[in-house]
Amino acid sequence: MAHYIRVHINWSQRKRLIVGTAYFVVGAAFSAWSFWWKAVPGVTMDTLEQ
């Protein structure tokens, strides 16, 4: 996606920075929300250990 935006779309550097920052914030918010939604207070989530 980043390659496509950088090479094939003629956006200014400022517009690329704004769009990239917006996508970063939305992705971080979604990740935080998904962990918050699945979390149970006082219970540690198990992870795979290899």
N, C-alpha and C. Protein backbone atom coordinates (compact mmCIF):
# COMPACT_ATOMS: atom_id res chain seq x y z
N MET A 1 0.82 -1.17 0.00
CA MET A 1 0.00 0.00 0.00
C MET A 1 0.88 1.25 0.00
N ALA A 2 1.89 1.28 0.83
CA ALA A 2 2.78 2.44 0.87
C ALA A 2 3.48 2.65 -0.47
N HIS A 3 3.93 1.56 -1.09
CA HIS A 3 4.58 1.66 -2.40
C HIS A 3 3.61 2.24 -3.42
N TYR A 4 2.39 1.76 -3.43
CA TYR A 4 1.39 2.24 -4.39
C TYR A 4 1.15 3.74 -4.20
N ILE A 5 0.96 4.15 -2.94
CA ILE A 5 0.70 5.57 -2.66
C ILE A 5 1.89 6.42 -3.06
N ARG A 6 3.10 5.95 -2.75
CA ARG A 6 4.29 6.76 -3.03
C ARG A 6 4.59 6.86 -4.52
N VAL A 7 4.42 5.77 -5.25
CA VAL A 7 4.82 5.74 -6.66
C VAL A 7 3.69 6.13 -7.61
N HIS A 8 2.49 5.64 -7.37
CA HIS A 8 1.43 5.78 -8.36
C HIS A 8 0.44 6.92 -8.09
N ILE A 9 0.47 7.49 -6.91
CA ILE A 9 -0.42 8.61 -6.61
C ILE A 9 0.45 9.84 -6.41
N ASN A 10 0.15 10.89 -7.13
CA ASN A 10 0.96 12.10 -7.07
C ASN A 10 0.47 13.04 -5.97
N TRP A 11 0.73 12.64 -4.73
CA TRP A 11 0.37 13.47 -3.59
C TRP A 11 1.60 14.23 -3.13
N SER A 12 1.37 15.37 -2.51
CA SER A 12 2.48 16.12 -1.92
C SER A 12 2.97 15.37 -0.67
N GLN A 13 4.15 15.71 -0.25
CA GLN A 13 4.71 15.07 0.94
C GLN A 13 3.83 15.36 2.16
N ARG A 14 3.27 16.56 2.23
CA ARG A 14 2.42 16.93 3.36
C ARG A 14 1.16 16.06 3.40
N LYS A 15 0.54 15.84 2.24
CA LYS A 15 -0.67 15.02 2.20
C LYS A 15 -0.35 13.57 2.56
N ARG A 16 0.79 13.03 2.08
CA ARG A 16 1.19 11.67 2.44
C ARG A 16 1.40 11.56 3.95
N LEU A 17 2.01 12.58 4.55
CA LEU A 17 2.25 12.56 5.99
C LEU A 17 0.93 12.59 6.76
N ILE A 18 -0.01 13.42 6.32
CA ILE A 18 -1.31 13.51 7.00
C ILE A 18 -2.07 12.19 6.89
N VAL A 19 -2.13 11.62 5.69
CA VAL A 19 -2.85 10.36 5.49
C VAL A 19 -2.17 9.23 6.26
N GLY A 20 -0.84 9.17 6.21
CA GLY A 20 -0.11 8.13 6.94
C GLY A 20 -0.31 8.23 8.44
N THR A 21 -0.30 9.44 8.96
CA THR A 21 -0.53 9.63 10.40
C THR A 21 -1.94 9.22 10.78
N ALA A 22 -2.90 9.57 9.95
CA ALA A 22 -4.29 9.19 10.23
C ALA A 22 -4.45 7.67 10.26
N TYR A 23 -3.87 6.98 9.27
CA TYR A 23 -3.94 5.51 9.26
C TYR A 23 -3.24 4.91 10.47
N PHE A 24 -2.11 5.48 10.87
CA PHE A 24 -1.38 4.99 12.04
C PHE A 24 -2.24 5.13 13.30
N VAL A 25 -2.87 6.28 13.48
CA VAL A 25 -3.70 6.52 14.66
C VAL A 25 -4.90 5.58 14.68
N VAL A 26 -5.55 5.41 13.53
CA VAL A 26 -6.70 4.51 13.45
C VAL A 26 -6.28 3.07 13.76
N GLY A 27 -5.15 2.63 13.22
CA GLY A 27 -4.67 1.28 13.49
C GLY A 27 -4.32 1.07 14.96
N ALA A 28 -3.68 2.06 15.57
CA ALA A 28 -3.33 1.95 16.99
C ALA A 28 -4.59 1.94 17.85
N ALA A 29 -5.56 2.77 17.50
CA ALA A 29 -6.82 2.80 18.26
C ALA A 29 -7.56 1.48 18.14
N PHE A 30 -7.59 0.90 16.95
CA PHE A 30 -8.25 -0.39 16.77
C PHE A 30 -7.56 -1.48 17.58
N SER A 31 -6.23 -1.49 17.57
CA SER A 31 -5.49 -2.48 18.34
C SER A 31 -5.77 -2.34 19.83
N ALA A 32 -5.74 -1.12 20.34
CA ALA A 32 -6.02 -0.88 21.76
C ALA A 32 -7.44 -1.29 22.11
N TRP A 33 -8.40 -0.93 21.25
CA TRP A 33 -9.80 -1.30 21.50
C TRP A 33 -9.98 -2.81 21.52
N SER A 34 -9.34 -3.52 20.59
CA SER A 34 -9.54 -4.97 20.53
C SER A 34 -8.98 -5.65 21.78
N PHE A 35 -7.86 -5.17 22.30
CA PHE A 35 -7.34 -5.75 23.54
C PHE A 35 -8.25 -5.39 24.72
N TRP A 36 -8.74 -4.17 24.75
CA TRP A 36 -9.63 -3.75 25.83
C TRP A 36 -10.93 -4.56 25.81
N TRP A 37 -11.46 -4.82 24.62
CA TRP A 37 -12.72 -5.54 24.47
C TRP A 37 -12.60 -6.99 24.94
N LYS A 38 -11.45 -7.64 24.66
CA LYS A 38 -11.26 -9.05 25.03
C LYS A 38 -10.77 -9.24 26.46
N ALA A 39 -10.29 -8.18 27.08
CA ALA A 39 -9.69 -8.30 28.41
C ALA A 39 -10.75 -8.54 29.48
N VAL A 40 -10.38 -9.35 30.46
CA VAL A 40 -11.21 -9.58 31.63
C VAL A 40 -10.42 -9.03 32.82
N PRO A 41 -10.99 -8.11 33.58
CA PRO A 41 -10.26 -7.52 34.69
C PRO A 41 -9.76 -8.58 35.69
N GLY A 42 -8.48 -8.49 36.02
CA GLY A 42 -7.88 -9.39 37.00
C GLY A 42 -7.43 -10.73 36.44
N VAL A 43 -7.62 -10.98 35.14
CA VAL A 43 -7.24 -12.24 34.53
C VAL A 43 -6.14 -11.98 33.49
N THR A 44 -5.04 -12.72 33.63
CA THR A 44 -3.95 -12.59 32.68
C THR A 44 -4.27 -13.39 31.42
N MET A 45 -4.06 -12.77 30.25
CA MET A 45 -4.30 -13.46 28.99
C MET A 45 -3.13 -14.40 28.69
N ASP A 46 -3.44 -15.64 28.33
CA ASP A 46 -2.41 -16.60 27.96
C ASP A 46 -1.90 -16.31 26.56
N THR A 47 -0.61 -16.51 26.35
CA THR A 47 -0.01 -16.38 25.05
C THR A 47 0.69 -17.68 24.70
N LEU A 48 0.93 -17.88 23.42
CA LEU A 48 1.63 -19.08 22.98
C LEU A 48 3.11 -18.96 23.31
N GLU A 49 3.65 -19.97 23.92
CA GLU A 49 5.08 -19.97 24.23
C GLU A 49 5.73 -21.08 23.42
N GLN A 50 6.80 -20.74 22.72
CA GLN A 50 7.46 -21.74 21.89
C GLN A 50 8.88 -21.91 22.32
